Amino acid sequence: MSSARRRYLDAIEARARCEALTGVIVAIIGLAGVTALAETVIEPAIVGWLAEAVADLARWTAGIRVVLALVAPVVWASVVPGSPATMLALLRIARAIGGAREISGALDRIPG
C-alpha cells in the first residue's frame, strides 16, 4: 500500500511539473509574440522608453524592499500618517512654482 501511494504521489508531482513547465513555455512564447508585435506596430523609441521605465520600477522596488527590511515597524507607524500631508505640501509648492513661472514668462513677453 505504501509503495503504491508513493508512486501515485510521484506521478502527480511529475504531472504538476509538466503542467508548470508547459505554462512557463507558453508564457515565454506569448511574451515574445507581444514583443515582436509591439516592435513592428509601435515606434521603437516608445518600446525603449517602456523598457527603461520597467527597469526603473524594478530598481525602485528593490530599494523599497531593502528599506522596509531595515527600518523598524515602530518607525513606519509614525512615518506613514505623515506621508499624505507631506505629499500635499509638495504638490502645493510645485503648483506655486508653476504659477510663478507662468507669471515670469508673461512678464518677459511684455514689450518695453
PDB file of N, CA and C in Angstrom:
ATOM      1  N   MET A   1       0.821  -1.187   0.000  1.00  0.00           N
ATOM      2  CA  MET A   1       0.000   0.000   0.000  1.00  0.00           C
ATOM      3  C   MET A   1       0.866   1.252   0.000  1.00  0.00           C
ATOM      4  N   SER A   2       1.924   1.258   0.756  1.00  0.00           N
ATOM      5  CA  SER A   2       2.787   2.423   0.869  1.00  0.00           C
ATOM      6  C   SER A   2       3.510   2.718  -0.444  1.00  0.00           C
ATOM      7  N   SER A   3       4.012   1.681  -1.117  1.00  0.00           N
ATOM      8  CA  SER A   3       4.732   1.905  -2.375  1.00  0.00           C
ATOM      9  C   SER A   3       3.774   2.385  -3.469  1.00  0.00           C
ATOM     10  N   ALA A   4       2.544   1.887  -3.474  1.00  0.00           N
ATOM     11  CA  ALA A   4       1.565   2.331  -4.469  1.00  0.00           C
ATOM     12  C   ALA A   4       1.221   3.799  -4.255  1.00  0.00           C
ATOM     13  N   ARG A   5       1.085   4.179  -3.001  1.00  0.00           N
ATOM     14  CA  ARG A   5       0.777   5.582  -2.683  1.00  0.00           C
ATOM     15  C   ARG A   5       1.948   6.486  -3.089  1.00  0.00           C
ATOM     16  N   ARG A   6       3.163   6.040  -2.824  1.00  0.00           N
ATOM     17  CA  ARG A   6       4.350   6.824  -3.183  1.00  0.00           C
ATOM     18  C   ARG A   6       4.442   6.992  -4.700  1.00  0.00           C
ATOM     19  N   ARG A   7       4.192   5.915  -5.450  1.00  0.00           N
ATOM     20  CA  ARG A   7       4.207   6.008  -6.915  1.00  0.00           C
ATOM     21  C   ARG A   7       3.122   6.956  -7.411  1.00  0.00           C
ATOM     22  N   TYR A   8       1.954   6.882  -6.784  1.00  0.00           N
ATOM     23  CA  TYR A   8       0.848   7.751  -7.148  1.00  0.00           C
ATOM     24  C   TYR A   8       1.228   9.218  -6.919  1.00  0.00           C
ATOM     25  N   LEU A   9       1.805   9.531  -5.757  1.00  0.00           N
ATOM     26  CA  LEU A   9       2.214  10.898  -5.448  1.00  0.00           C
ATOM     27  C   LEU A   9       3.339  11.369  -6.379  1.00  0.00           C
ATOM     28  N   ASP A  10       4.256  10.467  -6.717  1.00  0.00           N
ATOM     29  CA  ASP A  10       5.323  10.809  -7.665  1.00  0.00           C
ATOM     30  C   ASP A  10       4.749  11.131  -9.037  1.00  0.00           C
ATOM     31  N   ALA A  11       3.741  10.351  -9.448  1.00  0.00           N
ATOM     32  CA  ALA A  11       3.111  10.590 -10.745  1.00  0.00           C
ATOM     33  C   ALA A  11       2.386  11.937 -10.755  1.00  0.00           C
ATOM     34  N   ILE A  12       1.704  12.262  -9.667  1.00  0.00           N
ATOM     35  CA  ILE A  12       1.004  13.551  -9.580  1.00  0.00           C
ATOM     36  C   ILE A  12       2.022  14.698  -9.593  1.00  0.00           C
ATOM     37  N   GLU A  13       3.122  14.524  -8.875  1.00  0.00           N
ATOM     38  CA  GLU A  13       4.160  15.555  -8.842  1.00  0.00           C
ATOM     39  C   GLU A  13       4.777  15.757 -10.228  1.00  0.00           C
ATOM     40  N   ALA A  14       5.036  14.653 -10.946  1.00  0.00           N
ATOM     41  CA  ALA A  14       5.594  14.758 -12.293  1.00  0.00           C
ATOM     42  C   ALA A  14       4.610  15.459 -13.221  1.00  0.00           C
ATOM     43  N   ARG A  15       3.338  15.150 -13.078  1.00  0.00           N
ATOM     44  CA  ARG A  15       2.320  15.792 -13.906  1.00  0.00           C
ATOM     45  C   ARG A  15       2.254  17.294 -13.621  1.00  0.00           C
ATOM     46  N   ALA A  16       2.339  17.649 -12.339  1.00  0.00           N
ATOM     47  CA  ALA A  16       2.304  19.067 -11.972  1.00  0.00           C
ATOM     48  C   ALA A  16       3.525  19.804 -12.520  1.00  0.00           C
ATOM     49  N   ARG A  17       4.702  19.159 -12.464  1.00  0.00           N
ATOM     50  CA  ARG A  17       5.910  19.775 -13.028  1.00  0.00           C
ATOM     51  C   ARG A  17       5.758  19.980 -14.527  1.00  0.00           C
ATOM     52  N   CYS A  18       5.194  19.004 -15.200  1.00  0.00           N
ATOM     53  CA  CYS A  18       4.992  19.096 -16.647  1.00  0.00           C
ATOM     54  C   CYS A  18       4.025  20.240 -16.972  1.00  0.00           C
ATOM     55  N   GLU A  19       2.946  20.363 -16.198  1.00  0.00           N
ATOM     56  CA  GLU A  19       1.992  21.444 -16.433  1.00  0.00           C
ATOM     57  C   GLU A  19       2.627  22.809 -16.174  1.00  0.00           C
ATOM     58  N   ALA A  20       3.429  22.912 -15.123  1.00  0.00           N
ATOM     59  CA  ALA A  20       4.096  24.173 -14.806  1.00  0.00           C
ATOM     60  C   ALA A  20       5.089  24.546 -15.904  1.00  0.00           C
ATOM     61  N   LEU A  21       5.846  23.576 -16.378  1.00  0.00           N
ATOM     62  CA  LEU A  21       6.808  23.833 -17.446  1.00  0.00           C
ATOM     63  C   LEU A  21       6.094  24.262 -18.724  1.00  0.00           C
ATOM     64  N   THR A  22       4.986  23.617 -19.038  1.00  0.00           N
ATOM     65  CA  THR A  22       4.203  23.996 -20.213  1.00  0.00           C
ATOM     66  C   THR A  22       3.690  25.421 -20.071  1.00  0.00           C
ATOM     67  N   GLY A  23       3.223  25.783 -18.885  1.00  0.00           N
ATOM     68  CA  GLY A  23       2.739  27.147 -18.651  1.00  0.00           C
ATOM     69  C   GLY A  23       3.838  28.182 -18.825  1.00  0.00           C
ATOM     70  N   VAL A  24       5.032  27.893 -18.328  1.00  0.00           N
ATOM     71  CA  VAL A  24       6.157  28.823 -18.475  1.00  0.00           C
ATOM     72  C   VAL A  24       6.537  28.975 -19.947  1.00  0.00           C
ATOM     73  N   ILE A  25       6.584  27.877 -20.668  1.00  0.00           N
ATOM     74  CA  ILE A  25       6.939  27.936 -22.088  1.00  0.00           C
ATOM     75  C   ILE A  25       5.903  28.738 -22.863  1.00  0.00           C
ATOM     76  N   VAL A  26       4.624  28.516 -22.583  1.00  0.00           N
ATOM     77  CA  VAL A  26       3.567  29.268 -23.263  1.00  0.00           C
ATOM     78  C   VAL A  26       3.681  30.752 -22.929  1.00  0.00           C
ATOM     79  N   ALA A  27       3.979  31.082 -21.685  1.00  0.00           N
ATOM     80  CA  ALA A  27       4.122  32.491 -21.298  1.00  0.00           C
ATOM     81  C   ALA A  27       5.298  33.140 -22.021  1.00  0.00           C
ATOM     82  N   ILE A  28       6.409  32.433 -22.132  1.00  0.00           N
ATOM     83  CA  ILE A  28       7.576  32.975 -22.835  1.00  0.00           C
ATOM     84  C   ILE A  28       7.267  33.193 -24.311  1.00  0.00           C
ATOM     85  N   ILE A  29       6.595  32.225 -24.926  1.00  0.00           N
ATOM     86  CA  ILE A  29       6.230  32.369 -26.340  1.00  0.00           C
ATOM     87  C   ILE A  29       5.267  33.544 -26.521  1.00  0.00           C
ATOM     88  N   GLY A  30       4.308  33.668 -25.621  1.00  0.00           N
ATOM     89  CA  GLY A  30       3.373  34.794 -25.693  1.00  0.00           C
ATOM     90  C   GLY A  30       4.072  36.129 -25.522  1.00  0.00           C
ATOM     91  N   LEU A  31       5.007  36.210 -24.581  1.00  0.00           N
ATOM     92  CA  LEU A  31       5.757  37.439 -24.375  1.00  0.00           C
ATOM     93  C   LEU A  31       6.591  37.791 -25.604  1.00  0.00           C
ATOM     94  N   ALA A  32       7.206  36.783 -26.206  1.00  0.00           N
ATOM     95  CA  ALA A  32       7.990  37.023 -27.421  1.00  0.00           C
ATOM     96  C   ALA A  32       7.089  37.519 -28.551  1.00  0.00           C
ATOM     97  N   GLY A  33       5.908  36.938 -28.665  1.00  0.00           N
ATOM     98  CA  GLY A  33       4.982  37.381 -29.705  1.00  0.00           C
ATOM     99  C   GLY A  33       4.508  38.808 -29.487  1.00  0.00           C
ATOM    100  N   VAL A  34       4.180  39.152 -28.265  1.00  0.00           N
ATOM    101  CA  VAL A  34       3.745  40.515 -27.965  1.00  0.00           C
ATOM    102  C   VAL A  34       4.882  41.497 -28.212  1.00  0.00           C
ATOM    103  N   THR A  35       6.092  41.129 -27.831  1.00  0.00           N
ATOM    104  CA  THR A  35       7.246  42.000 -28.051  1.00  0.00           C
ATOM    105  C   THR A  35       7.487  42.213 -29.539  1.00  0.00           C
ATOM    106  N   ALA A  36       7.426  41.152 -30.303  1.00  0.00           N
ATOM    107  CA  ALA A  36       7.626  41.279 -31.753  1.00  0.00           C
ATOM    108  C   ALA A  36       6.544  42.153 -32.366  1.00  0.00           C
ATOM    109  N   LEU A  37       5.316  41.976 -31.945  1.00  0.00           N
ATOM    110  CA  LEU A  37       4.217  42.787 -32.455  1.00  0.00           C
ATOM    111  C   LEU A  37       4.387  44.242 -32.042  1.00  0.00           C
ATOM    112  N   ALA A  38       4.796  44.465 -30.800  1.00  0.00           N
ATOM    113  CA  ALA A  38       4.970  45.833 -30.317  1.00  0.00           C
ATOM    114  C   ALA A  38       6.079  46.544 -31.084  1.00  0.00           C
ATOM    115  N   GLU A  39       7.133  45.834 -31.407  1.00  0.00           N
ATOM    116  CA  GLU A  39       8.232  46.460 -32.139  1.00  0.00           C
ATOM    117  C   GLU A  39       7.851  46.809 -33.575  1.00  0.00           C
ATOM    118  N   THR A  40       6.938  46.061 -34.160  1.00  0.00           N
ATOM    119  CA  THR A  40       6.539  46.372 -35.531  1.00  0.00           C
ATOM    120  C   THR A  40       5.446  47.424 -35.581  1.00  0.00           C
ATOM    121  N   VAL A  41       4.598  47.463 -34.565  1.00  0.00           N
ATOM    122  CA  VAL A  41       3.474  48.387 -34.563  1.00  0.00           C
ATOM    123  C   VAL A  41       3.840  49.721 -33.916  1.00  0.00           C
ATOM    124  N   ILE A  42       4.532  49.652 -32.791  1.00  0.00           N
ATOM    125  CA  ILE A  42       4.858  50.846 -32.018  1.00  0.00           C
ATOM    126  C   ILE A  42       6.238  51.350 -32.431  1.00  0.00           C
ATOM    127  N   GLU A  43       6.406  52.634 -32.328  1.00  0.00           N
ATOM    128  CA  GLU A  43       7.700  53.236 -32.644  1.00  0.00           C
ATOM    129  C   GLU A  43       8.766  52.686 -31.684  1.00  0.00           C
ATOM    130  N   PRO A  44       9.943  52.341 -32.189  1.00  0.00           N
ATOM    131  CA  PRO A  44      10.981  51.759 -31.331  1.00  0.00           C
ATOM    132  C   PRO A  44      11.371  52.639 -30.145  1.00  0.00           C
ATOM    133  N   ALA A  45      11.264  53.956 -30.291  1.00  0.00           N
ATOM    134  CA  ALA A  45      11.604  54.841 -29.173  1.00  0.00           C
ATOM    135  C   ALA A  45      10.650  54.622 -27.999  1.00  0.00           C
ATOM    136  N   ILE A  46       9.396  54.354 -28.303  1.00  0.00           N
ATOM    137  CA  ILE A  46       8.419  54.110 -27.240  1.00  0.00           C
ATOM    138  C   ILE A  46       8.724  52.789 -26.538  1.00  0.00           C
ATOM    139  N   VAL A  47       9.092  51.787 -27.312  1.00  0.00           N
ATOM    140  CA  VAL A  47       9.445  50.494 -26.717  1.00  0.00           C
ATOM    141  C   VAL A  47      10.667  50.652 -25.817  1.00  0.00           C
ATOM    142  N   GLY A  48      11.647  51.438 -26.255  1.00  0.00           N
ATOM    143  CA  GLY A  48      12.834  51.690 -25.431  1.00  0.00           C
ATOM    144  C   GLY A  48      12.477  52.434 -24.167  1.00  0.00           C
ATOM    145  N   TRP A  49      11.583  53.431 -24.289  1.00  0.00           N
ATOM    146  CA  TRP A  49      11.153  54.173 -23.109  1.00  0.00           C
ATOM    147  C   TRP A  49      10.426  53.254 -22.126  1.00  0.00           C
ATOM    148  N   LEU A  50       9.592  52.373 -22.656  1.00  0.00           N
ATOM    149  CA  LEU A  50       8.859  51.445 -21.809  1.00  0.00           C
ATOM    150  C   LEU A  50       9.811  50.489 -21.091  1.00  0.00           C
ATOM    151  N   ALA A  51      10.816  49.995 -21.795  1.00  0.00           N
ATOM    152  CA  ALA A  51      11.799  49.109 -21.172  1.00  0.00           C
ATOM    153  C   ALA A  51      12.567  49.842 -20.076  1.00  0.00           C
ATOM    154  N   GLU A  52      12.908  51.097 -20.317  1.00  0.00           N
ATOM    155  CA  GLU A  52      13.612  51.884 -19.306  1.00  0.00           C
ATOM    156  C   GLU A  52      12.722  52.120 -18.085  1.00  0.00           C
ATOM    157  N   ALA A  53      11.443  52.377 -18.318  1.00  0.00           N
ATOM    158  CA  ALA A  53      10.518  52.590 -17.209  1.00  0.00           C
ATOM    159  C   ALA A  53      10.370  51.332 -16.366  1.00  0.00           C
ATOM    160  N   VAL A  54      10.313  50.178 -17.004  1.00  0.00           N
ATOM    161  CA  VAL A  54      10.207  48.913 -16.265  1.00  0.00           C
ATOM    162  C   VAL A  54      11.478  48.669 -15.458  1.00  0.00           C
ATOM    163  N   ALA A  55      12.643  48.982 -16.029  1.00  0.00           N
ATOM    164  CA  ALA A  55      13.905  48.815 -15.298  1.00  0.00           C
ATOM    165  C   ALA A  55      13.958  49.754 -14.096  1.00  0.00           C
ATOM    166  N   ASP A  56      13.493  50.994 -14.272  1.00  0.00           N
ATOM    167  CA  ASP A  56      13.453  51.930 -13.141  1.00  0.00           C
ATOM    168  C   ASP A  56      12.516  51.430 -12.049  1.00  0.00           C
ATOM    169  N   LEU A  57      11.377  50.913 -12.460  1.00  0.00           N
ATOM    170  CA  LEU A  57      10.427  50.380 -11.480  1.00  0.00           C
ATOM    171  C   LEU A  57      11.029  49.212 -10.714  1.00  0.00           C
ATOM    172  N   ALA A  58      11.765  48.353 -11.391  1.00  0.00           N
ATOM    173  CA  ALA A  58      12.411  47.222 -10.719  1.00  0.00           C
ATOM    174  C   ALA A  58      13.447  47.713  -9.712  1.00  0.00           C
ATOM    175  N   ARG A  59      14.216  48.745 -10.088  1.00  0.00           N
ATOM    176  CA  ARG A  59      15.209  49.295  -9.153  1.00  0.00           C
ATOM    177  C   ARG A  59      14.536  49.903  -7.936  1.00  0.00           C
ATOM    178  N   TRP A  60      13.468  50.671  -8.151  1.00  0.00           N
ATOM    179  CA  TRP A  60      12.753  51.278  -7.041  1.00  0.00           C
ATOM    180  C   TRP A  60      12.153  50.200  -6.131  1.00  0.00           C
ATOM    181  N   THR A  61      11.604  49.160  -6.718  1.00  0.00           N
ATOM    182  CA  THR A  61      11.013  48.082  -5.920  1.00  0.00           C
ATOM    183  C   THR A  61      12.069  47.413  -5.061  1.00  0.00           C
ATOM    184  N   ALA A  62      13.233  47.153  -5.631  1.00  0.00           N
ATOM    185  CA  ALA A  62      14.318  46.540  -4.856  1.00  0.00           C
ATOM    186  C   ALA A  62      14.760  47.464  -3.731  1.00  0.00           C
ATOM    187  N   GLY A  63      14.865  48.756  -4.014  1.00  0.00           N
ATOM    188  CA  GLY A  63      15.262  49.713  -2.982  1.00  0.00           C
ATOM    189  C   GLY A  63      14.249  49.808  -1.865  1.00  0.00           C
ATOM    190  N   ILE A  64      12.971  49.833  -2.224  1.00  0.00           N
ATOM    191  CA  ILE A  64      11.924  49.901  -1.205  1.00  0.00           C
ATOM    192  C   ILE A  64      11.934  48.646  -0.351  1.00  0.00           C
ATOM    193  N   ARG A  65      12.178  47.505  -0.973  1.00  0.00           N
ATOM    194  CA  ARG A  65      12.224  46.255  -0.209  1.00  0.00           C
ATOM    195  C   ARG A  65      13.358  46.293   0.810  1.00  0.00           C
ATOM    196  N   VAL A  66      14.509  46.824   0.425  1.00  0.00           N
ATOM    197  CA  VAL A  66      15.640  46.922   1.356  1.00  0.00           C
ATOM    198  C   VAL A  66      15.300  47.858   2.503  1.00  0.00           C
ATOM    199  N   VAL A  67      14.717  49.008   2.185  1.00  0.00           N
ATOM    200  CA  VAL A  67      14.370  49.972   3.239  1.00  0.00           C
ATOM    201  C   VAL A  67      13.338  49.376   4.184  1.00  0.00           C
ATOM    202  N   LEU A  68      12.333  48.714   3.645  1.00  0.00           N
ATOM    203  CA  LEU A  68      11.320  48.095   4.504  1.00  0.00           C
ATOM    204  C   LEU A  68      11.926  47.031   5.413  1.00  0.00           C
ATOM    205  N   ALA A  69      12.932  46.323   4.925  1.00  0.00           N
ATOM    206  CA  ALA A  69      13.561  45.274   5.727  1.00  0.00           C
ATOM    207  C   ALA A  69      14.441  45.862   6.828  1.00  0.00           C
ATOM    208  N   LEU A  70      15.040  47.034   6.573  1.00  0.00           N
ATOM    209  CA  LEU A  70      15.983  47.599   7.533  1.00  0.00           C
ATOM    210  C   LEU A  70      15.341  48.482   8.598  1.00  0.00           C
ATOM    211  N   VAL A  71      14.240  49.153   8.267  1.00  0.00           N
ATOM    212  CA  VAL A  71      13.633  50.098   9.195  1.00  0.00           C
ATOM    213  C   VAL A  71      12.613  49.368  10.070  1.00  0.00           C
ATOM    214  N   ALA A  72      12.653  49.686  11.355  1.00  0.00           N
ATOM    215  CA  ALA A  72      11.773  49.013  12.327  1.00  0.00           C
ATOM    216  C   ALA A  72      10.308  49.398  12.101  1.00  0.00           C
ATOM    217  N   PRO A  73       9.379  48.491  12.389  1.00  0.00           N
ATOM    218  CA  PRO A  73       7.951  48.794  12.214  1.00  0.00           C
ATOM    219  C   PRO A  73       7.475  49.985  13.049  1.00  0.00           C
ATOM    220  N   VAL A  74       8.117  50.243  14.187  1.00  0.00           N
ATOM    221  CA  VAL A  74       7.722  51.377  15.020  1.00  0.00           C
ATOM    222  C   VAL A  74       7.938  52.686  14.270  1.00  0.00           C
ATOM    223  N   VAL A  75       9.011  52.755  13.512  1.00  0.00           N
ATOM    224  CA  VAL A  75       9.291  53.960  12.730  1.00  0.00           C
ATOM    225  C   VAL A  75       8.255  54.119  11.630  1.00  0.00           C
ATOM    226  N   TRP A  76       7.892  53.018  10.967  1.00  0.00           N
ATOM    227  CA  TRP A  76       6.898  53.102   9.901  1.00  0.00           C
ATOM    228  C   TRP A  76       5.558  53.574  10.449  1.00  0.00           C
ATOM    229  N   ALA A  77       5.229  53.183  11.678  1.00  0.00           N
ATOM    230  CA  ALA A  77       3.951  53.585  12.269  1.00  0.00           C
ATOM    231  C   ALA A  77       3.879  55.102  12.426  1.00  0.00           C
ATOM    232  N   SER A  78       5.004  55.765  12.625  1.00  0.00           N
ATOM    233  CA  SER A  78       4.983  57.219  12.758  1.00  0.00           C
ATOM    234  C   SER A  78       5.151  57.925  11.416  1.00  0.00           C
ATOM    235  N   VAL A  79       5.793  57.288  10.454  1.00  0.00           N
ATOM    236  CA  VAL A  79       6.059  57.921   9.165  1.00  0.00           C
ATOM    237  C   VAL A  79       4.849  57.857   8.238  1.00  0.00           C
ATOM    238  N   VAL A  80       4.146  56.755   8.228  1.00  0.00           N
ATOM    239  CA  VAL A  80       3.053  56.552   7.266  1.00  0.00           C
ATOM    240  C   VAL A  80       1.954  57.609   7.399  1.00  0.00           C
ATOM    241  N   PRO A  81       1.496  57.967   8.595  1.00  0.00           N
ATOM    242  CA  PRO A  81       0.457  59.018   8.657  1.00  0.00           C
ATOM    243  C   PRO A  81       0.934  60.379   8.166  1.00  0.00           C
ATOM    244  N   GLY A  82       2.227  60.660   8.290  1.00  0.00           N
ATOM    245  CA  GLY A  82       2.735  61.946   7.841  1.00  0.00           C
ATOM    246  C   GLY A  82       2.975  62.032   6.348  1.00  0.00           C
ATOM    247  N   SER A  83       3.005  60.908   5.661  1.00  0.00           N
ATOM    248  CA  SER A  83       3.299  60.907   4.223  1.00  0.00           C
ATOM    249  C   SER A  83       2.264  61.652   3.384  1.00  0.00           C
ATOM    250  N   PRO A  84       0.958  61.440   3.575  1.00  0.00           N
ATOM    251  CA  PRO A  84      -0.006  62.198   2.758  1.00  0.00           C
ATOM    252  C   PRO A  84       0.111  63.707   2.964  1.00  0.00           C
ATOM    253  N   ALA A  85       0.340  64.128   4.198  1.00  0.00           N
ATOM    254  CA  ALA A  85       0.481  65.562   4.447  1.00  0.00           C
ATOM    255  C   ALA A  85       1.709  66.109   3.733  1.00  0.00           C
ATOM    256  N   THR A  86       2.787  65.380   3.748  1.00  0.00           N
ATOM    257  CA  THR A  86       4.000  65.810   3.062  1.00  0.00           C
ATOM    258  C   THR A  86       3.772  65.890   1.558  1.00  0.00           C
ATOM    259  N   MET A  87       3.103  64.899   0.991  1.00  0.00           N
ATOM    260  CA  MET A  87       2.842  64.903  -0.452  1.00  0.00           C
ATOM    261  C   MET A  87       1.956  66.088  -0.842  1.00  0.00           C
ATOM    262  N   LEU A  88       0.940  66.391  -0.035  1.00  0.00           N
ATOM    263  CA  LEU A  88       0.085  67.536  -0.336  1.00  0.00           C
ATOM    264  C   LEU A  88       0.878  68.839  -0.292  1.00  0.00           C
ATOM    265  N   ALA A  89       1.760  68.965   0.688  1.00  0.00           N
ATOM    266  CA  ALA A  89       2.584  70.173   0.779  1.00  0.00           C
ATOM    267  C   ALA A  89       3.497  70.293  -0.443  1.00  0.00           C
ATOM    268  N   LEU A  90       4.094  69.179  -0.869  1.00  0.00           N
ATOM    269  CA  LEU A  90       4.962  69.213  -2.047  1.00  0.00           C
ATOM    270  C   LEU A  90       4.174  69.565  -3.311  1.00  0.00           C
ATOM    271  N   LEU A  91       2.962  69.051  -3.429  1.00  0.00           N
ATOM    272  CA  LEU A  91       2.131  69.387  -4.588  1.00  0.00           C
ATOM    273  C   LEU A  91       1.776  70.869  -4.604  1.00  0.00           C
ATOM    274  N   ARG A  92       1.477  71.444  -3.435  1.00  0.00           N
ATOM    275  CA  ARG A  92       1.170  72.867  -3.368  1.00  0.00           C
ATOM    276  C   ARG A  92       2.380  73.709  -3.750  1.00  0.00           C
ATOM    277  N   ILE A  93       3.568  73.293  -3.308  1.00  0.00           N
ATOM    278  CA  ILE A  93       4.789  74.014  -3.658  1.00  0.00           C
ATOM    279  C   ILE A  93       5.021  73.938  -5.169  1.00  0.00           C
ATOM    280  N   ALA A  94       4.811  72.752  -5.742  1.00  0.00           N
ATOM    281  CA  ALA A  94       5.001  72.590  -7.188  1.00  0.00           C
ATOM    282  C   ALA A  94       4.022  73.462  -7.969  1.00  0.00           C
ATOM    283  N   ARG A  95       2.785  73.548  -7.511  1.00  0.00           N
ATOM    284  CA  ARG A  95       1.806  74.407  -8.181  1.00  0.00           C
ATOM    285  C   ARG A  95       2.200  75.868  -8.075  1.00  0.00           C
ATOM    286  N   ALA A  96       2.717  76.252  -6.920  1.00  0.00           N
ATOM    287  CA  ALA A  96       3.142  77.647  -6.740  1.00  0.00           C
ATOM    288  C   ALA A  96       4.318  77.976  -7.656  1.00  0.00           C
ATOM    289  N   ILE A  97       5.253  77.058  -7.770  1.00  0.00           N
ATOM    290  CA  ILE A  97       6.402  77.278  -8.655  1.00  0.00           C
ATOM    291  C   ILE A  97       5.935  77.372 -10.103  1.00  0.00           C
ATOM    292  N   GLY A  98       5.012  76.493 -10.492  1.00  0.00           N
ATOM    293  CA  GLY A  98       4.479  76.540 -11.853  1.00  0.00           C
ATOM    294  C   GLY A  98       3.772  77.854 -12.130  1.00  0.00           C
ATOM    295  N   GLY A  99       2.997  78.360 -11.175  1.00  0.00           N
ATOM    296  CA  GLY A  99       2.325  79.645 -11.340  1.00  0.00           C
ATOM    297  C   GLY A  99       3.321  80.781 -11.451  1.00  0.00           C
ATOM    298  N   ALA A 100       4.385  80.742 -10.655  1.00  0.00           N
ATOM    299  CA  ALA A 100       5.412  81.784 -10.718  1.00  0.00           C
ATOM    300  C   ALA A 100       6.107  81.771 -12.077  1.00  0.00           C
ATOM    301  N   ARG A 101       6.336  80.591 -12.626  1.00  0.00           N
ATOM    302  CA  ARG A 101       6.967  80.506 -13.953  1.00  0.00           C
ATOM    303  C   ARG A 101       6.051  81.083 -15.033  1.00  0.00           C
ATOM    304  N   GLU A 102       4.740  80.846 -14.907  1.00  0.00           N
ATOM    305  CA  GLU A 102       3.802  81.401 -15.878  1.00  0.00           C
ATOM    306  C   GLU A 102       3.802  82.919 -15.819  1.00  0.00           C
ATOM    307  N   ILE A 103       3.807  83.476 -14.615  1.00  0.00           N
ATOM    308  CA  ILE A 103       3.829  84.933 -14.458  1.00  0.00           C
ATOM    309  C   ILE A 103       5.123  85.495 -15.011  1.00  0.00           C
ATOM    310  N   SER A 104       6.242  84.827 -14.706  1.00  0.00           N
ATOM    311  CA  SER A 104       7.540  85.283 -15.199  1.00  0.00           C
ATOM    312  C   SER A 104       7.582  85.246 -16.720  1.00  0.00           C
ATOM    313  N   GLY A 105       7.065  84.206 -17.311  1.00  0.00           N
ATOM    314  CA  GLY A 105       7.028  84.107 -18.769  1.00  0.00           C
ATOM    315  C   GLY A 105       6.143  85.180 -19.390  1.00  0.00           C
ATOM    316  N   ALA A 106       5.029  85.491 -18.750  1.00  0.00           N
ATOM    317  CA  ALA A 106       4.148  86.543 -19.256  1.00  0.00           C
ATOM    318  C   ALA A 106       4.821  87.892 -19.172  1.00  0.00           C
ATOM    319  N   LEU A 107       5.561  88.128 -18.090  1.00  0.00           N
ATOM    320  CA  LEU A 107       6.259  89.407 -17.942  1.00  0.00           C
ATOM    321  C   LEU A 107       7.384  89.550 -18.966  1.00  0.00           C
ATOM    322  N   ASP A 108       7.997  88.452 -19.334  1.00  0.00           N
ATOM    323  CA  ASP A 108       9.068  88.508 -20.339  1.00  0.00           C
ATOM    324  C   ASP A 108       8.526  88.863 -21.712  1.00  0.00           C
ATOM    325  N   ARG A 109       7.282  88.581 -21.985  1.00  0.00           N
ATOM    326  CA  ARG A 109       6.689  88.845 -23.293  1.00  0.00           C
ATOM    327  C   ARG A 109       6.145  90.268 -23.417  1.00  0.00           C
ATOM    328  N   ILE A 110       6.070  90.995 -22.306  1.00  0.00           N
ATOM    329  CA  ILE A 110       5.547  92.365 -22.347  1.00  0.00           C
ATOM    330  C   ILE A 110       6.585  93.256 -23.029  1.00  0.00           C
ATOM    331  N   PRO A 111       6.176  93.971 -24.064  1.00  0.00           N
ATOM    332  CA  PRO A 111       7.153  94.853 -24.751  1.00  0.00           C
ATOM    333  C   PRO A 111       7.512  96.048 -23.866  1.00  0.00           C
ATOM    334  N   GLY A 112       8.722  96.443 -23.982  1.00  0.00           N
ATOM    335  CA  GLY A 112       9.101  97.675 -23.296  1.00  0.00           C
ATOM    336  C   GLY A 112      10.171  97.448 -22.359  1.00  0.00           C
TER     337      GLY A 112
END
